[in-house]
Amino acid sequence: MAAVDVEALKRGERRALAKAITLVESRLPAHRDAAQGLLESVLPATGNSVRVGITGVPGVGKSTFIEAFGLHLIGKGKRVAVLAVDPSSPLGGGSILGDKTRMEQLSRRDEAFIRPSPSEGTLGGVAQKTRETMLLCEAAGYDVILVETVGVGQSEYQVAAMVDFFMVLMLPGGGDELQGIKKGILELADALVINKADGASEELARQSRQHYVNAMGLLRHTTFWTPRVMTCSALKGLHIDAVWGMVVDYYLEAKKLGAFDARRARQYRDWMHQLVREMLLARLQAQPELKGLLPRLEADVEAQRTTPYNAARQIVELV
């Protein structure tokens, strides 16, 4: 692979950015080293965007929302990157490949950059590549980065751990007011946004909003920010400006209190610790002695001939 033109990347040239992301996503050890060198060289140009995570229940209209939101931001003079975290798609290369056709207007705009998640790999690997892609997009001058989670469960936690503001899209009503969204996800949310609040669903959305406000009030929030509950219609373009206004409110308040930079610093530190754990595990799994030792220790633990702690210690001593 030819070297990435760093200056072209910093000028925001799409070809250089796409090439840099391909390098970051490569699994070849030589490319991995080159990618880290590239990231080190662009680090001073990163960190200047607002990173927004977006998740939602099935059928909530996430693609429609992201397109309407992205077009609104472009209308305000912003450059927007859309990235996906999709651990559940081993074949198609992430939902955004499909979303590019659903986000037809946004994908045609020069101010927008849409990128699917890597086509294979564990959630940790996909999230790692997404974090690095985010840094490259920032170096290329994108002002707002939207990180969409299209998997379920753990992917929401991974996305919340890499963004400044985490938004959960909800549907109006639908019987069970909390629609099976886990309590843990609600605790992560900086905002609940009820989409499809138009036409016959407008009154239902208003009622749902009150239910969600009550539910959020029962959760303990330990930061300066009280999560907000809003309604919008991405299809009709209603209240999209208010949703962005809320993100700006959060950003300004967090900046003023020093919480914004503290959150970013904590995320980078946690990311480093996560990588240490993954690298140690990979090194351990590469030990030839493990192949014979592991089945024997598993059998001893199952038969209670040794404790799990002692077995684990014998394995770790291989490193």
Protein backbone atom coordinates (compact mmCIF):
# COMPACT_ATOMS: atom_id res chain seq x y z
CA MET A 1 0.00 0.00 0.00
CA ALA A 2 1.38 3.43 -1.00
CA ALA A 3 2.04 5.94 1.75
CA VAL A 4 -0.79 8.25 2.79
CA ASP A 5 -0.29 11.93 1.91
CA VAL A 6 -0.64 13.49 5.38
CA GLU A 7 -0.86 17.06 4.08
CA ALA A 8 -3.63 16.09 1.65
CA LEU A 9 -5.44 14.40 4.54
CA LYS A 10 -5.19 17.56 6.64
CA ARG A 11 -6.54 19.59 3.71
CA GLY A 12 -9.62 17.38 3.86
CA GLU A 13 -9.09 15.57 0.55
CA ARG A 14 -11.49 12.64 0.54
CA ARG A 15 -9.20 10.27 -1.35
CA ALA A 16 -6.40 10.73 1.19
CA LEU A 17 -8.87 10.22 4.06
CA ALA A 18 -10.33 7.04 2.51
CA LYS A 19 -6.80 5.69 1.95
CA ALA A 20 -5.83 6.48 5.56
CA ILE A 21 -8.92 4.68 6.88
CA THR A 22 -8.16 1.63 4.71
CA LEU A 23 -4.66 1.56 6.22
CA VAL A 24 -6.08 1.77 9.76
CA GLU A 25 -8.53 -1.06 9.03
CA SER A 26 -5.86 -3.39 7.61
CA ARG A 27 -4.96 -6.45 9.70
CA LEU A 28 -1.43 -6.79 8.28
CA PRO A 29 1.20 -6.16 11.00
CA ALA A 30 3.23 -3.85 8.71
CA HIS A 31 0.12 -1.79 7.95
CA ARG A 32 -0.74 -1.70 11.66
CA ASP A 33 2.63 -0.12 12.45
CA ALA A 34 2.29 2.35 9.56
CA ALA A 35 -1.24 3.25 10.72
CA GLN A 36 -0.01 4.03 14.24
CA GLY A 37 2.74 6.20 12.79
CA LEU A 38 0.15 8.06 10.72
CA LEU A 39 -2.13 8.55 13.74
CA GLU A 40 0.78 9.88 15.81
CA SER A 41 1.59 12.41 13.08
CA VAL A 42 -1.99 13.75 12.87
CA LEU A 43 -2.77 13.74 16.63
CA PRO A 44 -2.13 17.51 16.99
CA ALA A 45 -4.85 18.14 14.38
CA THR A 46 -7.46 15.98 16.16
CA GLY A 47 -9.92 16.64 18.98
CA ASN A 48 -11.68 19.63 17.41
CA SER A 49 -14.99 17.98 16.55
CA VAL A 50 -18.17 17.26 18.48
CA ARG A 51 -18.67 13.49 18.65
CA VAL A 52 -22.29 12.36 18.87
CA GLY A 53 -23.30 8.72 19.40
CA ILE A 54 -26.71 7.63 18.08
CA THR A 55 -28.57 4.41 18.84
CA GLY A 56 -32.23 3.42 18.75
CA VAL A 57 -34.83 0.70 18.82
CA PRO A 58 -35.56 -1.17 15.55
CA GLY A 59 -37.83 0.75 13.19
CA VAL A 60 -37.15 4.10 14.84
CA GLY A 61 -35.95 5.67 11.58
CA LYS A 62 -32.29 6.02 12.47
CA SER A 63 -31.09 6.46 8.87
CA THR A 64 -33.76 9.07 8.18
CA PHE A 65 -32.84 10.90 11.38
CA ILE A 66 -29.10 10.83 10.66
CA GLU A 67 -29.68 12.14 7.14
CA ALA A 68 -31.98 14.97 8.33
CA PHE A 69 -29.59 15.80 11.19
CA GLY A 70 -26.55 15.73 8.89
CA LEU A 71 -28.20 17.96 6.28
CA HIS A 72 -29.21 20.41 9.02
CA LEU A 73 -25.61 20.59 10.23
CA ILE A 74 -24.31 21.11 6.69
CA GLY A 75 -26.84 23.94 6.36
CA LYS A 76 -25.16 25.52 9.39
CA GLY A 77 -21.77 25.36 7.68
CA LYS A 78 -20.54 22.14 9.32
CA ARG A 79 -18.70 19.21 7.74
CA VAL A 80 -20.16 15.91 8.92
CA ALA A 81 -18.73 12.39 9.12
CA VAL A 82 -21.00 9.38 9.73
CA LEU A 83 -19.39 6.19 11.08
CA ALA A 84 -20.93 2.87 12.11
CA VAL A 85 -20.17 0.35 14.81
CA ASP A 86 -21.66 -2.91 13.59
CA PRO A 87 -20.34 -6.13 15.15
CA SER A 88 -23.29 -8.13 13.81
CA SER A 89 -22.54 -7.91 10.10
CA PRO A 90 -19.79 -10.35 9.02
CA LEU A 91 -20.67 -10.12 5.31
CA GLY A 92 -22.13 -6.81 4.20
CA GLY A 93 -19.54 -4.48 5.63
CA GLY A 94 -21.80 -2.74 8.12
CA SER A 95 -25.25 -1.25 7.82
CA ILE A 96 -24.01 2.03 6.38
CA LEU A 97 -23.44 0.33 3.02
CA GLY A 98 -27.20 -0.01 2.97
CA ASP A 99 -27.64 3.37 4.64
CA LYS A 100 -25.71 5.07 1.84
CA THR A 101 -28.63 4.28 -0.43
CA ARG A 102 -31.13 5.28 2.27
CA MET A 103 -29.16 8.48 3.01
CA GLU A 104 -29.19 9.43 -0.64
CA GLN A 105 -29.18 13.21 -0.19
CA LEU A 106 -26.53 13.22 2.52
CA SER A 107 -24.19 10.86 0.67
CA ARG A 108 -24.20 13.20 -2.36
CA ARG A 109 -23.00 16.20 -0.35
CA ASP A 110 -19.31 17.13 -0.51
CA GLU A 111 -19.48 18.25 3.14
CA ALA A 112 -20.47 14.73 4.28
CA PHE A 113 -18.35 11.60 4.61
CA ILE A 114 -20.10 8.26 5.24
CA ARG A 115 -18.10 5.19 6.20
CA PRO A 116 -19.25 1.68 7.17
CA SER A 117 -17.67 -0.27 9.99
CA PRO A 118 -15.05 -2.91 9.09
CA SER A 119 -16.69 -5.91 7.47
CA GLU A 120 -15.40 -8.50 9.92
CA GLY A 121 -14.06 -8.82 13.42
CA THR A 122 -15.02 -8.72 17.06
CA LEU A 123 -16.83 -5.79 18.59
CA GLY A 124 -13.63 -4.67 20.31
CA GLY A 125 -11.81 -4.66 16.97
CA VAL A 126 -14.58 -2.77 15.19
CA ALA A 127 -14.75 -0.18 18.00
CA GLN A 128 -10.96 0.20 17.91
CA LYS A 129 -11.04 0.91 14.16
CA THR A 130 -13.94 3.34 14.63
CA ARG A 131 -12.02 5.31 17.27
CA GLU A 132 -9.02 5.59 14.95
CA THR A 133 -11.20 6.50 11.96
CA MET A 134 -12.76 9.23 14.10
CA LEU A 135 -9.31 10.75 14.72
CA LEU A 136 -8.57 10.71 10.97
CA CYS A 137 -11.88 12.43 10.21
CA GLU A 138 -11.05 15.12 12.77
CA ALA A 139 -7.62 15.62 11.20
CA ALA A 140 -9.40 16.02 7.85
CA GLY A 141 -11.46 18.88 9.27
CA TYR A 142 -14.86 17.32 9.98
CA ASP A 143 -16.67 19.38 12.63
CA VAL A 144 -19.29 16.86 13.76
CA ILE A 145 -18.83 13.09 13.86
CA LEU A 146 -21.95 10.95 14.15
CA VAL A 147 -21.22 7.42 15.40
CA GLU A 148 -24.12 5.06 14.79
CA THR A 149 -24.44 1.77 16.64
CA VAL A 150 -26.33 -0.78 14.59
CA GLY A 151 -25.54 -3.82 16.70
CA VAL A 152 -27.25 -4.59 19.99
CA GLY A 153 -26.20 -4.71 23.62
CA GLN A 154 -22.50 -4.17 24.17
CA SER A 155 -22.05 -1.96 21.09
CA GLU A 156 -24.04 0.84 22.78
CA TYR A 157 -21.60 0.84 25.69
CA GLN A 158 -18.65 0.91 23.30
CA VAL A 159 -20.08 3.88 21.39
CA ALA A 160 -20.98 5.79 24.57
CA ALA A 161 -17.34 5.35 25.64
CA MET A 162 -16.01 7.12 22.53
CA VAL A 163 -18.37 10.09 22.08
CA ASP A 164 -19.09 13.40 23.81
CA PHE A 165 -22.88 13.13 23.65
CA PHE A 166 -24.92 9.90 23.49
CA MET A 167 -28.44 10.04 22.04
CA VAL A 168 -31.08 7.27 22.11
CA LEU A 169 -33.86 7.46 19.51
CA MET A 170 -37.28 6.20 20.60
CA LEU A 171 -40.69 5.60 19.01
CA PRO A 172 -43.92 7.23 20.17
CA GLY A 173 -45.90 4.93 22.49
CA GLY A 174 -46.07 1.36 21.34
CA GLY A 175 -47.49 -0.24 24.48
CA ASP A 176 -44.56 -0.77 26.80
CA GLU A 177 -43.41 2.81 27.23
CA LEU A 178 -39.74 1.85 27.61
CA GLN A 179 -39.83 -0.58 24.67
CA GLY A 180 -37.37 -3.00 26.15
CA ILE A 181 -34.53 -0.48 26.24
CA LYS A 182 -32.21 -1.65 28.99
CA LYS A 183 -31.91 0.45 32.12
CA GLY A 184 -28.16 0.54 31.53
CA ILE A 185 -28.66 2.17 28.12
CA LEU A 186 -30.94 4.80 29.66
CA GLU A 187 -28.26 5.53 32.24
CA LEU A 188 -25.77 6.12 29.42
CA ALA A 189 -28.09 8.45 27.50
CA ASP A 190 -27.53 12.21 27.49
CA ALA A 191 -30.84 12.55 25.64
CA LEU A 192 -33.86 10.55 24.53
CA VAL A 193 -35.24 11.76 21.22
CA ILE A 194 -38.71 10.53 20.22
CA ASN A 195 -38.75 10.39 16.42
CA LYS A 196 -41.80 10.14 14.12
CA ALA A 197 -43.63 12.78 16.19
CA ASP A 198 -45.87 13.90 13.33
CA GLY A 199 -49.44 13.50 12.09
CA ALA A 200 -51.53 11.06 14.10
CA SER A 201 -48.51 10.17 16.26
CA GLU A 202 -47.89 13.72 17.46
CA GLU A 203 -50.14 13.49 20.54
CA LEU A 204 -48.85 9.98 21.30
CA ALA A 205 -45.28 11.31 21.13
CA ARG A 206 -46.17 14.08 23.58
CA GLN A 207 -47.59 11.52 26.03
CA SER A 208 -44.57 9.25 25.53
CA ARG A 209 -42.26 12.15 26.25
CA GLN A 210 -43.86 12.59 29.68
CA HIS A 211 -43.50 8.85 30.38
CA TYR A 212 -39.82 8.99 29.47
CA VAL A 213 -39.25 12.15 31.53
CA ASN A 214 -40.73 10.33 34.54
CA ALA A 215 -38.63 7.21 33.87
CA MET A 216 -35.41 9.21 33.47
CA GLY A 217 -36.20 11.03 36.72
CA LEU A 218 -35.93 7.71 38.59
CA LEU A 219 -32.36 7.15 37.43
CA ARG A 220 -29.38 8.56 39.23
CA HIS A 221 -27.26 10.95 37.16
CA THR A 222 -23.92 11.89 38.61
CA THR A 223 -22.80 14.56 36.14
CA PHE A 224 -23.64 18.24 35.66
CA TRP A 225 -26.06 17.38 32.83
CA THR A 226 -29.66 16.35 33.35
CA PRO A 227 -30.62 14.18 30.34
CA ARG A 228 -33.34 15.75 28.20
CA VAL A 229 -36.28 14.16 26.42
CA MET A 230 -37.32 15.72 23.11
CA THR A 231 -39.61 14.97 20.19
CA CYS A 232 -38.89 15.40 16.49
CA SER A 233 -39.88 14.21 13.05
CA ALA A 234 -36.90 13.43 10.84
CA LEU A 235 -39.20 12.74 7.89
CA LYS A 236 -40.87 16.16 8.14
CA GLY A 237 -37.76 17.96 9.39
CA LEU A 238 -39.51 19.08 12.58
CA HIS A 239 -37.44 20.09 15.65
CA ILE A 240 -34.16 18.82 14.20
CA ASP A 241 -32.76 22.29 14.94
CA ALA A 242 -33.81 21.91 18.60
CA VAL A 243 -31.98 18.56 18.85
CA TRP A 244 -28.76 20.19 17.60
CA GLY A 245 -29.39 23.14 19.92
CA MET A 246 -29.49 20.70 22.84
CA VAL A 247 -26.12 19.18 21.81
CA VAL A 248 -24.65 22.70 21.62
CA ASP A 249 -26.06 23.49 25.09
CA TYR A 250 -24.35 20.40 26.44
CA TYR A 251 -21.06 21.26 24.70
CA LEU A 252 -20.96 24.83 25.98
CA GLU A 253 -21.85 23.85 29.54
CA ALA A 254 -19.37 20.94 29.57
CA LYS A 255 -16.62 23.20 28.19
CA LYS A 256 -17.33 25.89 30.79
CA LEU A 257 -17.12 23.39 33.66
CA GLY A 258 -14.09 21.51 32.32
CA ALA A 259 -16.20 18.35 32.05
CA PHE A 260 -15.77 18.08 28.28
CA ASP A 261 -11.97 17.76 28.32
CA ALA A 262 -12.09 15.57 31.45
CA ARG A 263 -14.47 13.14 29.71
CA ARG A 264 -12.25 12.97 26.63
CA ALA A 265 -9.15 12.39 28.78
CA ARG A 266 -10.91 9.61 30.70
CA GLN A 267 -12.01 7.95 27.45
CA TYR A 268 -8.44 7.94 26.09
CA ARG A 269 -7.11 6.49 29.35
CA ASP A 270 -9.80 3.77 29.42
CA TRP A 271 -9.11 3.00 25.75
CA MET A 272 -5.41 2.46 26.57
CA HIS A 273 -6.29 0.10 29.44
CA GLN A 274 -8.68 -1.83 27.17
CA LEU A 275 -5.93 -2.22 24.57
CA VAL A 276 -3.47 -3.43 27.22
CA ARG A 277 -5.94 -6.16 28.24
CA GLU A 278 -6.57 -7.18 24.62
CA MET A 279 -2.85 -7.24 23.76
CA LEU A 280 -2.00 -9.32 26.84
CA LEU A 281 -4.79 -11.77 26.01
CA ALA A 282 -3.60 -12.03 22.38
CA ARG A 283 -0.02 -12.66 23.54
CA LEU A 284 -1.23 -15.29 26.00
CA GLN A 285 -3.30 -17.08 23.35
CA ALA A 286 -0.23 -17.19 21.11
CA GLN A 287 1.75 -19.21 23.72
CA PRO A 288 2.24 -22.80 22.42
CA GLU A 289 2.19 -24.19 25.99
CA LEU A 290 -1.39 -22.96 26.44
CA LYS A 291 -2.73 -25.49 23.95
CA GLY A 292 -1.92 -28.43 26.22
CA LEU A 293 -2.35 -26.66 29.57
CA LEU A 294 -5.78 -25.08 29.07
CA PRO A 295 -7.89 -28.27 28.58
CA ARG A 296 -6.21 -29.89 31.62
CA LEU A 297 -6.83 -26.86 33.85
CA GLU A 298 -10.44 -26.55 32.63
CA ALA A 299 -11.01 -30.20 33.56
CA ASP A 300 -9.43 -29.65 37.00
CA VAL A 301 -11.63 -26.60 37.64
CA GLU A 302 -14.79 -28.41 36.51
CA ALA A 303 -13.97 -31.37 38.78
CA GLN A 304 -13.07 -28.97 41.63
CA ARG A 305 -9.54 -30.39 41.92
CA THR A 306 -8.24 -26.80 41.90
CA THR A 307 -9.69 -23.33 42.33
CA PRO A 308 -10.40 -21.06 39.32
CA TYR A 309 -7.94 -18.56 40.81
CA ASN A 310 -5.05 -21.04 40.92
CA ALA A 311 -5.83 -22.24 37.41
CA ALA A 312 -5.97 -18.68 36.07
CA ARG A 313 -2.67 -17.87 37.79
CA GLN A 314 -0.95 -20.81 36.07
CA ILE A 315 -2.21 -19.56 32.69
CA VAL A 316 -1.16 -15.96 33.28
CA GLU A 317 2.34 -17.10 34.34
CA LEU A 318 2.85 -18.24 30.73
CA VAL A 319 3.10 -14.60 29.61
